[in-house]
Amino acid sequence: MIQEVKNDPQLIAYCGLYCGACRKYISGKCPSCKQIQGKHWCKIRTCNINQQFSSCADCALETPNACKKFNNPISKVFAFIFGSNREKCILTIRENGAVWYATHMAETGQQSLKGK
């Protein structure tokens, strides 16, 4: 049974990925980035929590890739493997807002915007 992708701005991960379209979230195996309890390995998540940001879209840096926490070797490997573009996600959130982004991602069933 395929479950519907939820439309909820709270399901936007701090890095711009959309948890609402993630298979682990949909299957109940992950509570979503913002709902994970306790310490977590993700430095992007920790930075956003410390800054009280809803995502990296709230950061004053001109481009997310200028941040060493955001643009790190692990993220580059994941981007290559999954064809994702978290920077494009963050810039799209800045341009259109979190509500529009969540709606778009839910309607298209995407976890990340693709390519450049």
N, C-alpha and C. Protein backbone atom coordinates (compact mmCIF):
# COMPACT_ATOMS: atom_id res chain seq x y z
N MET A 1 0.84 -1.19 0.00
CA MET A 1 0.00 0.00 0.00
C MET A 1 0.89 1.25 0.00
N ILE A 2 0.75 2.09 -1.00
CA ILE A 2 1.53 3.32 -1.10
C ILE A 2 0.82 4.41 -0.31
N GLN A 3 1.56 5.01 0.59
CA GLN A 3 0.99 6.08 1.39
C GLN A 3 1.22 7.42 0.70
N GLU A 4 0.33 8.33 0.93
CA GLU A 4 0.41 9.65 0.34
C GLU A 4 1.52 10.47 1.02
N VAL A 5 2.19 11.29 0.24
CA VAL A 5 3.23 12.17 0.77
C VAL A 5 2.52 13.34 1.45
N LYS A 6 2.87 13.58 2.71
CA LYS A 6 2.26 14.66 3.48
C LYS A 6 2.78 16.02 3.02
N ASN A 7 1.90 16.99 3.07
CA ASN A 7 2.25 18.37 2.77
C ASN A 7 2.34 19.11 4.10
N ASP A 8 3.57 19.32 4.58
CA ASP A 8 3.76 19.94 5.89
C ASP A 8 5.12 20.63 5.93
N PRO A 9 5.15 21.96 6.05
CA PRO A 9 6.44 22.67 6.11
C PRO A 9 7.35 22.19 7.25
N GLN A 10 6.78 21.58 8.30
CA GLN A 10 7.60 21.06 9.39
C GLN A 10 8.39 19.82 8.96
N LEU A 11 8.06 19.28 7.80
CA LEU A 11 8.77 18.11 7.29
C LEU A 11 9.93 18.50 6.38
N ILE A 12 10.23 19.80 6.31
CA ILE A 12 11.42 20.25 5.58
C ILE A 12 12.60 20.10 6.53
N ALA A 13 13.57 19.29 6.13
CA ALA A 13 14.76 19.09 6.95
C ALA A 13 15.57 20.39 6.98
N TYR A 14 16.42 20.52 7.95
CA TYR A 14 17.23 21.73 8.09
C TYR A 14 18.07 21.99 6.85
N CYS A 15 18.49 20.94 6.15
CA CYS A 15 19.34 21.07 4.96
C CYS A 15 18.53 21.28 3.69
N GLY A 16 17.21 21.25 3.77
CA GLY A 16 16.37 21.49 2.61
C GLY A 16 15.75 20.25 2.00
N LEU A 17 16.19 19.07 2.40
CA LEU A 17 15.54 17.86 1.91
C LEU A 17 14.12 17.82 2.47
N TYR A 18 13.23 17.11 1.78
CA TYR A 18 11.85 17.04 2.22
C TYR A 18 11.56 15.67 2.82
N CYS A 19 11.52 15.61 4.14
CA CYS A 19 11.31 14.35 4.86
C CYS A 19 9.96 13.72 4.52
N GLY A 20 8.97 14.52 4.18
CA GLY A 20 7.65 14.00 3.89
C GLY A 20 7.61 13.03 2.72
N ALA A 21 8.61 13.09 1.84
CA ALA A 21 8.67 12.19 0.69
C ALA A 21 9.70 11.08 0.88
N CYS A 22 10.32 11.01 2.04
CA CYS A 22 11.34 9.99 2.33
C CYS A 22 10.67 8.66 2.65
N ARG A 23 11.19 7.59 2.07
CA ARG A 23 10.62 6.26 2.31
C ARG A 23 10.67 5.88 3.78
N LYS A 24 11.75 6.22 4.47
CA LYS A 24 11.85 5.88 5.90
C LYS A 24 10.79 6.62 6.71
N TYR A 25 10.55 7.87 6.39
CA TYR A 25 9.52 8.63 7.10
C TYR A 25 8.14 8.04 6.81
N ILE A 26 7.86 7.83 5.53
CA ILE A 26 6.55 7.32 5.12
C ILE A 26 6.27 5.95 5.75
N SER A 27 7.30 5.11 5.86
CA SER A 27 7.10 3.77 6.43
C SER A 27 7.12 3.76 7.96
N GLY A 28 7.33 4.93 8.58
CA GLY A 28 7.32 5.02 10.03
C GLY A 28 8.63 4.65 10.70
N LYS A 29 9.70 4.51 9.91
CA LYS A 29 11.00 4.13 10.47
C LYS A 29 11.84 5.33 10.91
N CYS A 30 11.40 6.53 10.58
CA CYS A 30 12.11 7.76 10.97
C CYS A 30 11.07 8.82 11.31
N PRO A 31 11.26 9.56 12.40
CA PRO A 31 10.28 10.57 12.79
C PRO A 31 10.39 11.87 12.00
N SER A 32 11.43 12.05 11.23
CA SER A 32 11.79 13.24 10.44
C SER A 32 12.93 13.96 11.15
N CYS A 33 13.65 14.71 10.40
CA CYS A 33 14.84 15.42 10.91
C CYS A 33 14.52 16.26 12.15
N LYS A 34 13.44 16.99 12.09
CA LYS A 34 13.11 17.92 13.18
C LYS A 34 12.52 17.22 14.40
N GLN A 35 12.12 15.96 14.27
CA GLN A 35 11.51 15.25 15.39
C GLN A 35 12.44 14.25 16.07
N ILE A 36 13.64 14.05 15.51
CA ILE A 36 14.60 13.14 16.14
C ILE A 36 14.96 13.71 17.51
N GLN A 37 14.94 12.88 18.52
CA GLN A 37 15.22 13.33 19.89
C GLN A 37 16.70 13.14 20.23
N GLY A 38 17.20 14.00 21.09
CA GLY A 38 18.56 13.87 21.61
C GLY A 38 19.62 14.33 20.62
N LYS A 39 20.85 14.01 20.96
CA LYS A 39 21.98 14.40 20.12
C LYS A 39 21.93 13.64 18.80
N HIS A 40 22.49 14.25 17.80
CA HIS A 40 22.48 13.68 16.46
C HIS A 40 23.79 14.01 15.78
N TRP A 41 24.21 13.16 14.87
CA TRP A 41 25.49 13.32 14.18
C TRP A 41 25.50 14.49 13.20
N CYS A 42 24.36 14.99 12.78
CA CYS A 42 24.29 15.99 11.72
C CYS A 42 24.65 17.39 12.23
N LYS A 43 25.75 17.92 11.72
CA LYS A 43 26.20 19.25 12.13
C LYS A 43 25.30 20.36 11.59
N ILE A 44 24.65 20.09 10.46
CA ILE A 44 23.71 21.06 9.90
C ILE A 44 22.52 21.20 10.85
N ARG A 45 22.01 20.10 11.32
CA ARG A 45 20.88 20.10 12.26
C ARG A 45 21.25 20.85 13.53
N THR A 46 22.41 20.52 14.09
CA THR A 46 22.87 21.16 15.32
C THR A 46 23.01 22.67 15.14
N CYS A 47 23.60 23.09 14.03
CA CYS A 47 23.77 24.52 13.75
C CYS A 47 22.42 25.23 13.68
N ASN A 48 21.47 24.63 12.95
CA ASN A 48 20.15 25.25 12.82
C ASN A 48 19.43 25.34 14.16
N ILE A 49 19.53 24.31 14.97
CA ILE A 49 18.90 24.33 16.29
C ILE A 49 19.53 25.43 17.15
N ASN A 50 20.86 25.51 17.14
CA ASN A 50 21.56 26.53 17.93
C ASN A 50 21.22 27.95 17.47
N GLN A 51 21.01 28.13 16.17
CA GLN A 51 20.68 29.45 15.62
C GLN A 51 19.17 29.74 15.66
N GLN A 52 18.39 28.73 16.04
CA GLN A 52 16.93 28.80 16.04
C GLN A 52 16.37 29.08 14.64
N PHE A 53 16.99 28.42 13.64
CA PHE A 53 16.54 28.51 12.26
C PHE A 53 15.57 27.37 11.98
N SER A 54 14.64 27.59 11.06
CA SER A 54 13.78 26.49 10.63
C SER A 54 14.48 25.67 9.55
N SER A 55 15.43 26.28 8.83
CA SER A 55 16.28 25.58 7.87
C SER A 55 17.44 26.50 7.51
N CYS A 56 18.35 26.00 6.70
CA CYS A 56 19.48 26.81 6.26
C CYS A 56 19.03 28.00 5.41
N ALA A 57 17.78 28.01 4.96
CA ALA A 57 17.24 29.14 4.21
C ALA A 57 17.22 30.40 5.06
N ASP A 58 17.23 30.25 6.38
CA ASP A 58 17.21 31.40 7.30
C ASP A 58 18.59 32.01 7.52
N CYS A 59 19.63 31.33 7.07
CA CYS A 59 21.01 31.78 7.29
C CYS A 59 21.33 32.99 6.41
N ALA A 60 22.18 33.87 6.93
CA ALA A 60 22.54 35.09 6.22
C ALA A 60 23.57 34.87 5.11
N LEU A 61 24.22 33.70 5.08
CA LEU A 61 25.18 33.45 4.01
C LEU A 61 24.48 33.53 2.66
N GLU A 62 25.15 34.13 1.68
CA GLU A 62 24.55 34.31 0.36
C GLU A 62 24.16 32.99 -0.29
N THR A 63 25.03 32.00 -0.14
CA THR A 63 24.76 30.69 -0.71
C THR A 63 25.07 29.61 0.32
N PRO A 64 24.24 28.60 0.44
CA PRO A 64 24.51 27.54 1.42
C PRO A 64 25.85 26.84 1.21
N ASN A 65 26.28 26.72 -0.04
CA ASN A 65 27.55 26.03 -0.30
C ASN A 65 28.76 26.79 0.23
N ALA A 66 28.57 28.03 0.68
CA ALA A 66 29.65 28.79 1.30
C ALA A 66 29.91 28.30 2.74
N CYS A 67 28.99 27.51 3.27
CA CYS A 67 29.09 26.99 4.64
C CYS A 67 29.77 25.62 4.62
N LYS A 68 30.80 25.48 5.45
CA LYS A 68 31.52 24.21 5.51
C LYS A 68 30.69 23.09 6.14
N LYS A 69 29.75 23.44 7.00
CA LYS A 69 28.87 22.42 7.58
C LYS A 69 27.90 21.89 6.53
N PHE A 70 27.41 22.78 5.69
CA PHE A 70 26.45 22.41 4.66
C PHE A 70 27.14 21.71 3.48
N ASN A 71 28.23 22.27 3.05
CA ASN A 71 28.96 21.78 1.87
C ASN A 71 30.17 20.97 2.32
N ASN A 72 29.93 19.72 2.70
CA ASN A 72 31.01 18.87 3.21
C ASN A 72 31.17 17.64 2.31
N PRO A 73 32.24 16.89 2.46
CA PRO A 73 32.48 15.74 1.59
C PRO A 73 31.35 14.70 1.61
N ILE A 74 30.77 14.44 2.76
CA ILE A 74 29.68 13.45 2.84
C ILE A 74 28.48 13.92 2.03
N SER A 75 28.15 15.20 2.12
CA SER A 75 27.00 15.70 1.37
C SER A 75 27.24 15.62 -0.13
N LYS A 76 28.48 15.80 -0.55
CA LYS A 76 28.80 15.70 -1.98
C LYS A 76 28.61 14.27 -2.48
N VAL A 77 28.99 13.29 -1.67
CA VAL A 77 28.80 11.89 -2.04
C VAL A 77 27.31 11.57 -2.15
N PHE A 78 26.52 11.98 -1.15
CA PHE A 78 25.08 11.75 -1.19
C PHE A 78 24.44 12.44 -2.39
N ALA A 79 24.86 13.67 -2.68
CA ALA A 79 24.31 14.39 -3.82
C ALA A 79 24.59 13.65 -5.12
N PHE A 80 25.79 13.11 -5.24
CA PHE A 80 26.16 12.37 -6.44
C PHE A 80 25.34 11.08 -6.57
N ILE A 81 25.26 10.32 -5.49
CA ILE A 81 24.55 9.04 -5.51
C ILE A 81 23.06 9.23 -5.78
N PHE A 82 22.44 10.20 -5.12
CA PHE A 82 21.00 10.37 -5.21
C PHE A 82 20.57 11.44 -6.21
N GLY A 83 21.52 12.13 -6.82
CA GLY A 83 21.18 13.18 -7.78
C GLY A 83 20.45 14.35 -7.14
N SER A 84 20.73 14.58 -5.87
CA SER A 84 20.02 15.65 -5.16
C SER A 84 20.83 16.95 -5.18
N ASN A 85 20.13 18.04 -4.96
CA ASN A 85 20.76 19.34 -4.92
C ASN A 85 20.18 20.13 -3.75
N ARG A 86 20.78 19.92 -2.58
CA ARG A 86 20.26 20.59 -1.38
C ARG A 86 20.39 22.10 -1.48
N GLU A 87 21.45 22.59 -2.13
CA GLU A 87 21.58 24.04 -2.27
C GLU A 87 20.40 24.60 -3.07
N LYS A 88 20.02 23.93 -4.14
CA LYS A 88 18.86 24.36 -4.92
C LYS A 88 17.60 24.34 -4.06
N CYS A 89 17.49 23.34 -3.20
CA CYS A 89 16.34 23.27 -2.27
C CYS A 89 16.30 24.50 -1.37
N ILE A 90 17.42 24.82 -0.75
CA ILE A 90 17.48 25.97 0.17
C ILE A 90 17.20 27.28 -0.57
N LEU A 91 17.79 27.46 -1.74
CA LEU A 91 17.56 28.69 -2.51
C LEU A 91 16.10 28.78 -2.96
N THR A 92 15.47 27.66 -3.26
CA THR A 92 14.06 27.64 -3.64
C THR A 92 13.17 28.00 -2.45
N ILE A 93 13.53 27.51 -1.27
CA ILE A 93 12.79 27.88 -0.05
C ILE A 93 12.90 29.38 0.18
N ARG A 94 14.10 29.92 0.02
CA ARG A 94 14.28 31.37 0.20
C ARG A 94 13.42 32.16 -0.78
N GLU A 95 13.39 31.71 -2.02
CA GLU A 95 12.68 32.44 -3.07
C GLU A 95 11.17 32.31 -2.96
N ASN A 96 10.67 31.12 -2.63
CA ASN A 96 9.23 30.86 -2.68
C ASN A 96 8.56 30.65 -1.33
N GLY A 97 9.35 30.41 -0.29
CA GLY A 97 8.80 30.18 1.05
C GLY A 97 8.62 28.70 1.35
N ALA A 98 8.59 28.38 2.63
CA ALA A 98 8.50 27.00 3.09
C ALA A 98 7.16 26.36 2.75
N VAL A 99 6.07 27.12 2.82
CA VAL A 99 4.75 26.57 2.52
C VAL A 99 4.69 26.15 1.06
N TRP A 100 5.15 27.02 0.16
CA TRP A 100 5.15 26.68 -1.27
C TRP A 100 6.03 25.46 -1.52
N TYR A 101 7.22 25.45 -0.92
CA TYR A 101 8.16 24.36 -1.12
C TYR A 101 7.57 23.02 -0.66
N ALA A 102 6.99 22.99 0.52
CA ALA A 102 6.39 21.76 1.04
C ALA A 102 5.27 21.29 0.12
N THR A 103 4.44 22.20 -0.34
CA THR A 103 3.36 21.85 -1.25
C THR A 103 3.91 21.27 -2.55
N HIS A 104 4.91 21.93 -3.11
CA HIS A 104 5.53 21.46 -4.36
C HIS A 104 6.14 20.07 -4.19
N MET A 105 6.87 19.87 -3.10
CA MET A 105 7.54 18.59 -2.88
C MET A 105 6.51 17.48 -2.63
N ALA A 106 5.44 17.79 -1.92
CA ALA A 106 4.40 16.79 -1.67
C ALA A 106 3.66 16.44 -2.97
N GLU A 107 3.37 17.45 -3.77
CA GLU A 107 2.67 17.20 -5.03
C GLU A 107 3.51 16.40 -6.02
N THR A 108 4.82 16.64 -6.03
CA THR A 108 5.70 15.94 -6.96
C THR A 108 6.29 14.67 -6.37
N GLY A 109 6.14 14.49 -5.04
CA GLY A 109 6.66 13.29 -4.37
C GLY A 109 8.18 13.25 -4.32
N GLN A 110 8.82 14.40 -4.34
CA GLN A 110 10.28 14.48 -4.33
C GLN A 110 10.82 14.70 -2.93
N GLN A 111 11.93 14.08 -2.65
CA GLN A 111 12.63 14.34 -1.40
C GLN A 111 13.63 15.48 -1.57
N SER A 112 14.09 15.68 -2.80
CA SER A 112 15.05 16.73 -3.10
C SER A 112 14.84 17.22 -4.52
N LEU A 113 15.16 18.48 -4.73
CA LEU A 113 15.21 18.97 -6.09
C LEU A 113 16.44 18.37 -6.74
N LYS A 114 16.38 18.17 -8.01
CA LYS A 114 17.45 17.46 -8.71
C LYS A 114 18.37 18.42 -9.46
N GLY A 115 19.57 17.95 -9.69
CA GLY A 115 20.53 18.62 -10.57
C GLY A 115 20.82 20.05 -10.24
N LYS A 116 21.27 20.75 -11.23
CA LYS A 116 21.67 22.15 -11.04
C LYS A 116 20.50 23.00 -11.31
